[in-house]
Amino acid sequence: MKLLGKKIRLLRHQKGWSQEDVSIQLGISIPAFSKIETGITDINLSRLEQICKLFELTIVQMLTFTNPEEDQKYLSELDLTNQKLAERNLEVIDLQKKVIDLYEKIRHI
């Protein structure tokens, strides 16, 4: 639930809303909404539907929503890892060539 709370907080910040703004729209107290954002309180389905409607998202969109900045961070890490892997593959190919060359030299002796 903490991840869902973080998503809700991010969406709230993107809208420029305070916790008070959202709590009023949801008809709950500020501390109750704060507990939702921090993951202290589990969200039931009707509350989740209410929150999704407020942010104009479906439940599926809310549950699969990711922060583009975090996505970019993971993509950057993935690109870096793929680059390192490609470099290691080139090193392996170079070493294989050297082994074959050495084998050919030994075979002809």
PDB file of N, CA and C in Angstrom:
ATOM      1  N   MET A   1       0.808  -1.201   0.000  1.00  0.00           N
ATOM      2  CA  MET A   1       0.000   0.000   0.000  1.00  0.00           C
ATOM      3  C   MET A   1       0.853   1.268   0.000  1.00  0.00           C
ATOM      4  N   LYS A   2       2.088   1.156   0.458  1.00  0.00           N
ATOM      5  CA  LYS A   2       2.936   2.343   0.467  1.00  0.00           C
ATOM      6  C   LYS A   2       3.185   2.850  -0.944  1.00  0.00           C
ATOM      7  N   LEU A   3       3.336   1.935  -1.904  1.00  0.00           N
ATOM      8  CA  LEU A   3       3.562   2.344  -3.287  1.00  0.00           C
ATOM      9  C   LEU A   3       2.347   3.087  -3.825  1.00  0.00           C
ATOM     10  N   LEU A   4       1.164   2.598  -3.532  1.00  0.00           N
ATOM     11  CA  LEU A   4      -0.057   3.272  -3.980  1.00  0.00           C
ATOM     12  C   LEU A   4      -0.155   4.658  -3.348  1.00  0.00           C
ATOM     13  N   GLY A   5       0.193   4.753  -2.085  1.00  0.00           N
ATOM     14  CA  GLY A   5       0.182   6.053  -1.408  1.00  0.00           C
ATOM     15  C   GLY A   5       1.146   7.027  -2.053  1.00  0.00           C
ATOM     16  N   LYS A   6       2.328   6.532  -2.442  1.00  0.00           N
ATOM     17  CA  LYS A   6       3.310   7.389  -3.115  1.00  0.00           C
ATOM     18  C   LYS A   6       2.770   7.868  -4.457  1.00  0.00           C
ATOM     19  N   LYS A   7       2.072   6.984  -5.160  1.00  0.00           N
ATOM     20  CA  LYS A   7       1.481   7.376  -6.439  1.00  0.00           C
ATOM     21  C   LYS A   7       0.442   8.472  -6.238  1.00  0.00           C
ATOM     22  N   ILE A   8      -0.379   8.295  -5.207  1.00  0.00           N
ATOM     23  CA  ILE A   8      -1.410   9.290  -4.925  1.00  0.00           C
ATOM     24  C   ILE A   8      -0.768  10.631  -4.576  1.00  0.00           C
ATOM     25  N   ARG A   9       0.274  10.596  -3.764  1.00  0.00           N
ATOM     26  CA  ARG A   9       0.983  11.834  -3.406  1.00  0.00           C
ATOM     27  C   ARG A   9       1.553  12.508  -4.653  1.00  0.00           C
ATOM     28  N   LEU A  10       2.167  11.718  -5.529  1.00  0.00           N
ATOM     29  CA  LEU A  10       2.734  12.273  -6.756  1.00  0.00           C
ATOM     30  C   LEU A  10       1.641  12.920  -7.610  1.00  0.00           C
ATOM     31  N   LEU A  11       0.525  12.241  -7.765  1.00  0.00           N
ATOM     32  CA  LEU A  11      -0.587  12.800  -8.540  1.00  0.00           C
ATOM     33  C   LEU A  11      -1.102  14.090  -7.907  1.00  0.00           C
ATOM     34  N   ARG A  12      -1.192  14.089  -6.590  1.00  0.00           N
ATOM     35  CA  ARG A  12      -1.652  15.295  -5.886  1.00  0.00           C
ATOM     36  C   ARG A  12      -0.693  16.458  -6.137  1.00  0.00           C
ATOM     37  N   HIS A  13       0.587  16.176  -6.054  1.00  0.00           N
ATOM     38  CA  HIS A  13       1.580  17.234  -6.305  1.00  0.00           C
ATOM     39  C   HIS A  13       1.509  17.733  -7.745  1.00  0.00           C
ATOM     40  N   GLN A  14       1.300  16.805  -8.675  1.00  0.00           N
ATOM     41  CA  GLN A  14       1.199  17.205 -10.083  1.00  0.00           C
ATOM     42  C   GLN A  14       0.009  18.135 -10.319  1.00  0.00           C
ATOM     43  N   LYS A  15      -1.055  17.935  -9.553  1.00  0.00           N
ATOM     44  CA  LYS A  15      -2.229  18.806  -9.667  1.00  0.00           C
ATOM     45  C   LYS A  15      -2.048  20.113  -8.893  1.00  0.00           C
ATOM     46  N   GLY A  16      -1.015  20.165  -8.039  1.00  0.00           N
ATOM     47  CA  GLY A  16      -0.798  21.349  -7.223  1.00  0.00           C
ATOM     48  C   GLY A  16      -1.769  21.449  -6.050  1.00  0.00           C
ATOM     49  N   TRP A  17      -2.304  20.316  -5.627  1.00  0.00           N
ATOM     50  CA  TRP A  17      -3.272  20.290  -4.537  1.00  0.00           C
ATOM     51  C   TRP A  17      -2.584  20.008  -3.215  1.00  0.00           C
ATOM     52  N   SER A  18      -3.135  20.566  -2.159  1.00  0.00           N
ATOM     53  CA  SER A  18      -2.659  20.256  -0.811  1.00  0.00           C
ATOM     54  C   SER A  18      -3.411  19.028  -0.300  1.00  0.00           C
ATOM     55  N   GLN A  19      -2.933  18.484   0.805  1.00  0.00           N
ATOM     56  CA  GLN A  19      -3.656  17.365   1.419  1.00  0.00           C
ATOM     57  C   GLN A  19      -5.051  17.823   1.838  1.00  0.00           C
ATOM     58  N   GLU A  20      -5.157  19.066   2.278  1.00  0.00           N
ATOM     59  CA  GLU A  20      -6.459  19.604   2.673  1.00  0.00           C
ATOM     60  C   GLU A  20      -7.410  19.648   1.476  1.00  0.00           C
ATOM     61  N   ASP A  21      -6.907  20.088   0.315  1.00  0.00           N
ATOM     62  CA  ASP A  21      -7.741  20.146  -0.891  1.00  0.00           C
ATOM     63  C   ASP A  21      -8.340  18.778  -1.198  1.00  0.00           C
ATOM     64  N   VAL A  22      -7.486  17.762  -1.171  1.00  0.00           N
ATOM     65  CA  VAL A  22      -7.939  16.414  -1.523  1.00  0.00           C
ATOM     66  C   VAL A  22      -8.861  15.856  -0.449  1.00  0.00           C
ATOM     67  N   SER A  23      -8.497  16.060   0.808  1.00  0.00           N
ATOM     68  CA  SER A  23      -9.331  15.509   1.887  1.00  0.00           C
ATOM     69  C   SER A  23     -10.739  16.102   1.848  1.00  0.00           C
ATOM     70  N   ILE A  24     -10.849  17.382   1.518  1.00  0.00           N
ATOM     71  CA  ILE A  24     -12.174  18.017   1.400  1.00  0.00           C
ATOM     72  C   ILE A  24     -12.958  17.373   0.265  1.00  0.00           C
ATOM     73  N   GLN A  25     -12.300  17.165  -0.881  1.00  0.00           N
ATOM     74  CA  GLN A  25     -12.985  16.558  -2.032  1.00  0.00           C
ATOM     75  C   GLN A  25     -13.403  15.119  -1.755  1.00  0.00           C
ATOM     76  N   LEU A  26     -12.619  14.431  -0.911  1.00  0.00           N
ATOM     77  CA  LEU A  26     -12.944  13.046  -0.580  1.00  0.00           C
ATOM     78  C   LEU A  26     -13.903  12.944   0.611  1.00  0.00           C
ATOM     79  N   GLY A  27     -14.069  14.047   1.317  1.00  0.00           N
ATOM     80  CA  GLY A  27     -14.956  14.039   2.480  1.00  0.00           C
ATOM     81  C   GLY A  27     -14.355  13.320   3.677  1.00  0.00           C
ATOM     82  N   ILE A  28     -13.035  13.401   3.819  1.00  0.00           N
ATOM     83  CA  ILE A  28     -12.356  12.777   4.951  1.00  0.00           C
ATOM     84  C   ILE A  28     -11.452  13.814   5.620  1.00  0.00           C
ATOM     85  N   SER A  29     -10.944  13.476   6.786  1.00  0.00           N
ATOM     86  CA  SER A  29     -10.064  14.408   7.487  1.00  0.00           C
ATOM     87  C   SER A  29      -8.678  14.425   6.845  1.00  0.00           C
ATOM     88  N   ILE A  30      -7.944  15.483   7.098  1.00  0.00           N
ATOM     89  CA  ILE A  30      -6.574  15.598   6.584  1.00  0.00           C
ATOM     90  C   ILE A  30      -5.706  14.456   7.131  1.00  0.00           C
ATOM     91  N   PRO A  31      -5.778  14.159   8.458  1.00  0.00           N
ATOM     92  CA  PRO A  31      -4.976  13.035   8.953  1.00  0.00           C
ATOM     93  C   PRO A  31      -5.336  11.701   8.297  1.00  0.00           C
ATOM     94  N   ALA A  32      -6.616  11.497   8.001  1.00  0.00           N
ATOM     95  CA  ALA A  32      -7.030  10.251   7.339  1.00  0.00           C
ATOM     96  C   ALA A  32      -6.415  10.166   5.946  1.00  0.00           C
ATOM     97  N   PHE A  33      -6.423  11.279   5.223  1.00  0.00           N
ATOM     98  CA  PHE A  33      -5.818  11.268   3.885  1.00  0.00           C
ATOM     99  C   PHE A  33      -4.309  11.106   3.982  1.00  0.00           C
ATOM    100  N   SER A  34      -3.705  11.742   4.960  1.00  0.00           N
ATOM    101  CA  SER A  34      -2.258  11.611   5.154  1.00  0.00           C
ATOM    102  C   SER A  34      -1.876  10.147   5.380  1.00  0.00           C
ATOM    103  N   LYS A  35      -2.694   9.438   6.138  1.00  0.00           N
ATOM    104  CA  LYS A  35      -2.436   8.012   6.396  1.00  0.00           C
ATOM    105  C   LYS A  35      -2.551   7.188   5.115  1.00  0.00           C
ATOM    106  N   ILE A  36      -3.422   7.606   4.202  1.00  0.00           N
ATOM    107  CA  ILE A  36      -3.524   6.919   2.905  1.00  0.00           C
ATOM    108  C   ILE A  36      -2.240   7.133   2.117  1.00  0.00           C
ATOM    109  N   GLU A  37      -1.766   8.385   2.071  1.00  0.00           N
ATOM    110  CA  GLU A  37      -0.554   8.699   1.312  1.00  0.00           C
ATOM    111  C   GLU A  37       0.689   8.013   1.876  1.00  0.00           C
ATOM    112  N   THR A  38       0.741   7.862   3.180  1.00  0.00           N
ATOM    113  CA  THR A  38       1.927   7.248   3.796  1.00  0.00           C
ATOM    114  C   THR A  38       1.827   5.729   3.844  1.00  0.00           C
ATOM    115  N   GLY A  39       0.672   5.185   3.468  1.00  0.00           N
ATOM    116  CA  GLY A  39       0.512   3.743   3.448  1.00  0.00           C
ATOM    117  C   GLY A  39       0.162   3.150   4.791  1.00  0.00           C
ATOM    118  N   ILE A  40      -0.143   3.998   5.757  1.00  0.00           N
ATOM    119  CA  ILE A  40      -0.528   3.502   7.085  1.00  0.00           C
ATOM    120  C   ILE A  40      -1.913   2.872   7.030  1.00  0.00           C
ATOM    121  N   THR A  41      -2.794   3.490   6.259  1.00  0.00           N
ATOM    122  CA  THR A  41      -4.168   3.006   6.117  1.00  0.00           C
ATOM    123  C   THR A  41      -4.337   2.295   4.784  1.00  0.00           C
ATOM    124  N   ASP A  42      -4.892   1.100   4.829  1.00  0.00           N
ATOM    125  CA  ASP A  42      -5.225   0.390   3.603  1.00  0.00           C
ATOM    126  C   ASP A  42      -6.432   1.064   2.957  1.00  0.00           C
ATOM    127  N   ILE A  43      -6.463   1.072   1.645  1.00  0.00           N
ATOM    128  CA  ILE A  43      -7.557   1.710   0.910  1.00  0.00           C
ATOM    129  C   ILE A  43      -8.535   0.633   0.470  1.00  0.00           C
ATOM    130  N   ASN A  44      -9.806   0.820   0.830  1.00  0.00           N
ATOM    131  CA  ASN A  44     -10.808  -0.130   0.341  1.00  0.00           C
ATOM    132  C   ASN A  44     -11.200   0.246  -1.087  1.00  0.00           C
ATOM    133  N   LEU A  45     -11.924  -0.630  -1.735  1.00  0.00           N
ATOM    134  CA  LEU A  45     -12.241  -0.443  -3.151  1.00  0.00           C
ATOM    135  C   LEU A  45     -13.064   0.816  -3.399  1.00  0.00           C
ATOM    136  N   SER A  46     -14.016   1.090  -2.531  1.00  0.00           N
ATOM    137  CA  SER A  46     -14.836   2.292  -2.760  1.00  0.00           C
ATOM    138  C   SER A  46     -14.013   3.565  -2.606  1.00  0.00           C
ATOM    139  N   ARG A  47     -13.077   3.592  -1.657  1.00  0.00           N
ATOM    140  CA  ARG A  47     -12.209   4.770  -1.494  1.00  0.00           C
ATOM    141  C   ARG A  47     -11.269   4.893  -2.694  1.00  0.00           C
ATOM    142  N   LEU A  48     -10.750   3.751  -3.171  1.00  0.00           N
ATOM    143  CA  LEU A  48      -9.876   3.764  -4.345  1.00  0.00           C
ATOM    144  C   LEU A  48     -10.625   4.300  -5.557  1.00  0.00           C
ATOM    145  N   GLU A  49     -11.873   3.875  -5.747  1.00  0.00           N
ATOM    146  CA  GLU A  49     -12.684   4.382  -6.855  1.00  0.00           C
ATOM    147  C   GLU A  49     -12.876   5.892  -6.727  1.00  0.00           C
ATOM    148  N   GLN A  50     -13.110   6.365  -5.507  1.00  0.00           N
ATOM    149  CA  GLN A  50     -13.302   7.792  -5.259  1.00  0.00           C
ATOM    150  C   GLN A  50     -12.031   8.578  -5.599  1.00  0.00           C
ATOM    151  N   ILE A  51     -10.896   8.057  -5.187  1.00  0.00           N
ATOM    152  CA  ILE A  51      -9.613   8.717  -5.464  1.00  0.00           C
ATOM    153  C   ILE A  51      -9.327   8.714  -6.965  1.00  0.00           C
ATOM    154  N   CYS A  52      -9.591   7.588  -7.623  1.00  0.00           N
ATOM    155  CA  CYS A  52      -9.366   7.491  -9.069  1.00  0.00           C
ATOM    156  C   CYS A  52     -10.235   8.497  -9.821  1.00  0.00           C
ATOM    157  N   LYS A  53     -11.486   8.614  -9.410  1.00  0.00           N
ATOM    158  CA  LYS A  53     -12.396   9.567 -10.049  1.00  0.00           C
ATOM    159  C   LYS A  53     -11.867  10.986  -9.874  1.00  0.00           C
ATOM    160  N   LEU A  54     -11.362  11.288  -8.696  1.00  0.00           N
ATOM    161  CA  LEU A  54     -10.820  12.610  -8.407  1.00  0.00           C
ATOM    162  C   LEU A  54      -9.652  12.959  -9.337  1.00  0.00           C
ATOM    163  N   PHE A  55      -8.790  11.958  -9.592  1.00  0.00           N
ATOM    164  CA  PHE A  55      -7.625  12.187 -10.452  1.00  0.00           C
ATOM    165  C   PHE A  55      -7.892  11.819 -11.913  1.00  0.00           C
ATOM    166  N   GLU A  56      -9.149  11.508 -12.214  1.00  0.00           N
ATOM    167  CA  GLU A  56      -9.585  11.176 -13.577  1.00  0.00           C
ATOM    168  C   GLU A  56      -8.790  10.003 -14.146  1.00  0.00           C
ATOM    169  N   LEU A  57      -8.674   8.946 -13.336  1.00  0.00           N
ATOM    170  CA  LEU A  57      -7.988   7.723 -13.748  1.00  0.00           C
ATOM    171  C   LEU A  57      -8.894   6.531 -13.477  1.00  0.00           C
ATOM    172  N   THR A  58      -8.689   5.470 -14.240  1.00  0.00           N
ATOM    173  CA  THR A  58      -9.364   4.220 -13.916  1.00  0.00           C
ATOM    174  C   THR A  58      -8.562   3.537 -12.810  1.00  0.00           C
ATOM    175  N   ILE A  59      -9.147   2.537 -12.201  1.00  0.00           N
ATOM    176  CA  ILE A  59      -8.427   1.800 -11.157  1.00  0.00           C
ATOM    177  C   ILE A  59      -7.195   1.138 -11.756  1.00  0.00           C
ATOM    178  N   VAL A  60      -7.325   0.596 -12.952  1.00  0.00           N
ATOM    179  CA  VAL A  60      -6.175  -0.034 -13.609  1.00  0.00           C
ATOM    180  C   VAL A  60      -5.074   0.986 -13.845  1.00  0.00           C
ATOM    181  N   GLN A  61      -5.449   2.166 -14.319  1.00  0.00           N
ATOM    182  CA  GLN A  61      -4.445   3.216 -14.539  1.00  0.00           C
ATOM    183  C   GLN A  61      -3.756   3.593 -13.229  1.00  0.00           C
ATOM    184  N   MET A  62      -4.536   3.691 -12.165  1.00  0.00           N
ATOM    185  CA  MET A  62      -3.967   4.051 -10.866  1.00  0.00           C
ATOM    186  C   MET A  62      -2.991   2.976 -10.392  1.00  0.00           C
ATOM    187  N   LEU A  63      -3.373   1.725 -10.541  1.00  0.00           N
ATOM    188  CA  LEU A  63      -2.537   0.634 -10.036  1.00  0.00           C
ATOM    189  C   LEU A  63      -1.302   0.401 -10.898  1.00  0.00           C
ATOM    190  N   THR A  64      -1.356   0.823 -12.163  1.00  0.00           N
ATOM    191  CA  THR A  64      -0.202   0.613 -13.045  1.00  0.00           C
ATOM    192  C   THR A  64       0.557   1.894 -13.319  1.00  0.00           C
ATOM    193  N   PHE A  65       0.081   3.004 -12.775  1.00  0.00           N
ATOM    194  CA  PHE A  65       0.717   4.314 -12.968  1.00  0.00           C
ATOM    195  C   PHE A  65       2.127   4.301 -12.407  1.00  0.00           C
ATOM    196  N   THR A  66       3.070   4.852 -13.175  1.00  0.00           N
ATOM    197  CA  THR A  66       4.438   4.989 -12.678  1.00  0.00           C
ATOM    198  C   THR A  66       4.904   6.419 -12.900  1.00  0.00           C
ATOM    199  N   ASN A  67       5.867   6.794 -12.132  1.00  0.00           N
ATOM    200  CA  ASN A  67       6.449   8.125 -12.238  1.00  0.00           C
ATOM    201  C   ASN A  67       7.414   8.136 -13.420  1.00  0.00           C
ATOM    202  N   PRO A  68       7.207   9.007 -14.412  1.00  0.00           N
ATOM    203  CA  PRO A  68       8.105   9.047 -15.569  1.00  0.00           C
ATOM    204  C   PRO A  68       9.566   9.271 -15.190  1.00  0.00           C
ATOM    205  N   GLU A  69       9.816  10.044 -14.128  1.00  0.00           N
ATOM    206  CA  GLU A  69      11.200  10.272 -13.694  1.00  0.00           C
ATOM    207  C   GLU A  69      11.830   8.967 -13.211  1.00  0.00           C
ATOM    208  N   GLU A  70      11.053   8.163 -12.464  1.00  0.00           N
ATOM    209  CA  GLU A  70      11.567   6.873 -12.004  1.00  0.00           C
ATOM    210  C   GLU A  70      11.769   5.936 -13.188  1.00  0.00           C
ATOM    211  N   ASP A  71      10.825   5.959 -14.118  1.00  0.00           N
ATOM    212  CA  ASP A  71      10.966   5.125 -15.311  1.00  0.00           C
ATOM    213  C   ASP A  71      12.243   5.477 -16.055  1.00  0.00           C
ATOM    214  N   GLN A  72      12.520   6.776 -16.191  1.00  0.00           N
ATOM    215  CA  GLN A  72      13.716   7.219 -16.901  1.00  0.00           C
ATOM    216  C   GLN A  72      14.965   6.754 -16.173  1.00  0.00           C
ATOM    217  N   LYS A  73      14.932   6.797 -14.844  1.00  0.00           N
ATOM    218  CA  LYS A  73      16.069   6.337 -14.045  1.00  0.00           C
ATOM    219  C   LYS A  73      16.327   4.854 -14.318  1.00  0.00           C
ATOM    220  N   TYR A  74      15.258   4.052 -14.312  1.00  0.00           N
ATOM    221  CA  TYR A  74      15.417   2.621 -14.560  1.00  0.00           C
ATOM    222  C   TYR A  74      15.880   2.358 -15.987  1.00  0.00           C
ATOM    223  N   LEU A  75      15.357   3.142 -16.945  1.00  0.00           N
ATOM    224  CA  LEU A  75      15.790   2.981 -18.324  1.00  0.00           C
ATOM    225  C   LEU A  75      17.260   3.333 -18.477  1.00  0.00           C
ATOM    226  N   SER A  76      17.693   4.396 -17.797  1.00  0.00           N
ATOM    227  CA  SER A  76      19.103   4.782 -17.856  1.00  0.00           C
ATOM    228  C   SER A  76      19.982   3.684 -17.279  1.00  0.00           C
ATOM    229  N   GLU A  77      19.566   3.108 -16.154  1.00  0.00           N
ATOM    230  CA  GLU A  77      20.321   2.012 -15.545  1.00  0.00           C
ATOM    231  C   GLU A  77      20.343   0.803 -16.475  1.00  0.00           C
ATOM    232  N   LEU A  78      19.220   0.535 -17.127  1.00  0.00           N
ATOM    233  CA  LEU A  78      19.143  -0.584 -18.059  1.00  0.00           C
ATOM    234  C   LEU A  78      20.049  -0.349 -19.251  1.00  0.00           C
ATOM    235  N   ASP A  79      20.055   0.868 -19.793  1.00  0.00           N
ATOM    236  CA  ASP A  79      20.940   1.194 -20.914  1.00  0.00           C
ATOM    237  C   ASP A  79      22.400   1.021 -20.525  1.00  0.00           C
ATOM    238  N   LEU A  80      22.755   1.484 -19.336  1.00  0.00           N
ATOM    239  CA  LEU A  80      24.133   1.356 -18.861  1.00  0.00           C
ATOM    240  C   LEU A  80      24.511  -0.114 -18.704  1.00  0.00           C
ATOM    241  N   THR A  81      23.615  -0.905 -18.147  1.00  0.00           N
ATOM    242  CA  THR A  81      23.870  -2.332 -17.979  1.00  0.00           C
ATOM    243  C   THR A  81      24.012  -3.024 -19.337  1.00  0.00           C
ATOM    244  N   ASN A  82      23.149  -2.677 -20.275  1.00  0.00           N
ATOM    245  CA  ASN A  82      23.245  -3.261 -21.616  1.00  0.00           C
ATOM    246  C   ASN A  82      24.553  -2.874 -22.298  1.00  0.00           C
ATOM    247  N   GLN A  83      25.000  -1.645 -22.094  1.00  0.00           N
ATOM    248  CA  GLN A  83      26.262  -1.189 -22.669  1.00  0.00           C
ATOM    249  C   GLN A  83      27.432  -1.983 -22.081  1.00  0.00           C
ATOM    250  N   LYS A  84      27.420  -2.172 -20.763  1.00  0.00           N
ATOM    251  CA  LYS A  84      28.475  -2.948 -20.113  1.00  0.00           C
ATOM    252  C   LYS A  84      28.465  -4.395 -20.605  1.00  0.00           C
ATOM    253  N   LEU A  85      27.293  -4.945 -20.774  1.00  0.00           N
ATOM    254  CA  LEU A  85      27.167  -6.316 -21.269  1.00  0.00           C
ATOM    255  C   LEU A  85      27.725  -6.436 -22.685  1.00  0.00           C
ATOM    256  N   ALA A  86      27.426  -5.459 -23.531  1.00  0.00           N
ATOM    257  CA  ALA A  86      27.945  -5.472 -24.902  1.00  0.00           C
ATOM    258  C   ALA A  86      29.469  -5.383 -24.890  1.00  0.00           C
ATOM    259  N   GLU A  87      30.027  -4.546 -24.006  1.00  0.00           N
ATOM    260  CA  GLU A  87      31.486  -4.438 -23.898  1.00  0.00           C
ATOM    261  C   GLU A  87      32.095  -5.765 -23.450  1.00  0.00           C
ATOM    262  N   ARG A  88      31.458  -6.420 -22.490  1.00  0.00           N
ATOM    263  CA  ARG A  88      31.972  -7.715 -22.012  1.00  0.00           C
ATOM    264  C   ARG A  88      31.888  -8.774 -23.112  1.00  0.00           C
ATOM    265  N   ASN A  89      30.838  -8.720 -23.902  1.00  0.00           N
ATOM    266  CA  ASN A  89      30.713  -9.667 -25.011  1.00  0.00           C
ATOM    267  C   ASN A  89      31.847  -9.475 -26.020  1.00  0.00           C
ATOM    268  N   LEU A  90      32.190  -8.221 -26.290  1.00  0.00           N
ATOM    269  CA  LEU A  90      33.303  -7.947 -27.199  1.00  0.00           C
ATOM    270  C   LEU A  90      34.624  -8.467 -26.614  1.00  0.00           C
ATOM    271  N   GLU A  91      34.800  -8.306 -25.315  1.00  0.00           N
ATOM    272  CA  GLU A  91      36.002  -8.823 -24.655  1.00  0.00           C
ATOM    273  C   GLU A  91      36.066 -10.347 -24.770  1.00  0.00           C
ATOM    274  N   VAL A  92      34.946 -11.008 -24.584  1.00  0.00           N
ATOM    275  CA  VAL A  92      34.893 -12.471 -24.684  1.00  0.00           C
ATOM    276  C   VAL A  92      35.234 -12.910 -26.101  1.00  0.00           C
ATOM    277  N   ILE A  93      34.675 -12.239 -27.093  1.00  0.00           N
ATOM    278  CA  ILE A  93      34.965 -12.576 -28.487  1.00  0.00           C
ATOM    279  C   ILE A  93      36.452 -12.387 -28.781  1.00  0.00           C
ATOM    280  N   ASP A  94      37.032 -11.296 -28.293  1.00  0.00           N
ATOM    281  CA  ASP A  94      38.463 -11.039 -28.488  1.00  0.00           C
ATOM    282  C   ASP A  94      39.300 -12.137 -27.841  1.00  0.00           C
ATOM    283  N   LEU A  95      38.927 -12.539 -26.628  1.00  0.00           N
ATOM    284  CA  LEU A  95      39.662 -13.612 -25.940  1.00  0.00           C
ATOM    285  C   LEU A  95      39.512 -14.948 -26.676  1.00  0.00           C
ATOM    286  N   GLN A  96      38.335 -15.195 -27.196  1.00  0.00           N
ATOM    287  CA  GLN A  96      38.132 -16.433 -27.966  1.00  0.00           C
ATOM    288  C   GLN A  96      39.032 -16.463 -29.200  1.00  0.00           C
ATOM    289  N   LYS A  97      39.152 -15.321 -29.870  1.00  0.00           N
ATOM    290  CA  LYS A  97      40.030 -15.235 -31.042  1.00  0.00           C
ATOM    291  C   LYS A  97      41.470 -15.520 -30.644  1.00  0.00           C
ATOM    292  N   LYS A  98      41.901 -14.973 -29.524  1.00  0.00           N
ATOM    293  CA  LYS A  98      43.263 -15.209 -29.053  1.00  0.00           C
ATOM    294  C   LYS A  98      43.492 -16.681 -28.731  1.00  0.00           C
ATOM    295  N   VAL A  99      42.535 -17.305 -28.116  1.00  0.00           N
ATOM    296  CA  VAL A  99      42.649 -18.738 -27.800  1.00  0.00           C
ATOM    297  C   VAL A  99      42.746 -19.555 -29.087  1.00  0.00           C
ATOM    298  N   ILE A 100      41.942 -19.225 -30.073  1.00  0.00           N
ATOM    299  CA  ILE A 100      41.978 -19.937 -31.353  1.00  0.00           C
ATOM    300  C   ILE A 100      43.327 -19.731 -32.035  1.00  0.00           C
ATOM    301  N   ASP A 101      43.822 -18.486 -32.030  1.00  0.00           N
ATOM    302  CA  ASP A 101      45.136 -18.202 -32.616  1.00  0.00           C
ATOM    303  C   ASP A 101      46.230 -19.012 -31.917  1.00  0.00           C
ATOM    304  N   LEU A 102      46.188 -19.039 -30.594  1.00  0.00           N
ATOM    305  CA  LEU A 102      47.198 -19.814 -29.845  1.00  0.00           C
ATOM    306  C   LEU A 102      47.081 -21.308 -30.154  1.00  0.00           C
ATOM    307  N   TYR A 103      45.883 -21.796 -30.262  1.00  0.00           N
ATOM    308  CA  TYR A 103      45.676 -23.202 -30.590  1.00  0.00           C
ATOM    309  C   TYR A 103      46.256 -23.523 -31.966  1.00  0.00           C
ATOM    310  N   GLU A 104      46.007 -22.622 -32.917  1.00  0.00           N
ATOM    311  CA  GLU A 104      46.538 -22.825 -34.274  1.00  0.00           C
ATOM    312  C   GLU A 104      48.078 -22.818 -34.258  1.00  0.00           C
ATOM    313  N   LYS A 105      48.685 -21.940 -33.500  1.00  0.00           N
ATOM    314  CA  LYS A 105      50.150 -21.891 -33.411  1.00  0.00           C
ATOM    315  C   LYS A 105      50.699 -23.173 -32.802  1.00  0.00           C
ATOM    316  N   ILE A 106      50.078 -23.622 -31.732  1.00  0.00           N
ATOM    317  CA  ILE A 106      50.536 -24.867 -31.073  1.00  0.00           C
ATOM    318  C   ILE A 106      50.351 -26.059 -31.988  1.00  0.00           C
ATOM    319  N   ARG A 107      49.296 -26.104 -32.716  1.00  0.00           N
ATOM    320  CA  ARG A 107      48.984 -27.216 -33.612  1.00  0.00           C
ATOM    321  C   ARG A 107      50.009 -27.323 -34.736  1.00  0.00           C
ATOM    322  N   HIS A 108      50.535 -26.199 -35.179  1.00  0.00           N
ATOM    323  CA  HIS A 108      51.497 -26.196 -36.285  1.00  0.00           C
ATOM    324  C   HIS A 108      52.926 -26.403 -35.820  1.00  0.00           C
ATOM    325  N   ILE A 109      53.169 -26.504 -34.549  1.00  0.00           N
ATOM    326  CA  ILE A 109      54.529 -26.702 -34.048  1.00  0.00           C
ATOM    327  C   ILE A 109      54.897 -28.157 -34.097  1.00  0.00           C
TER     328      ILE A 109
END
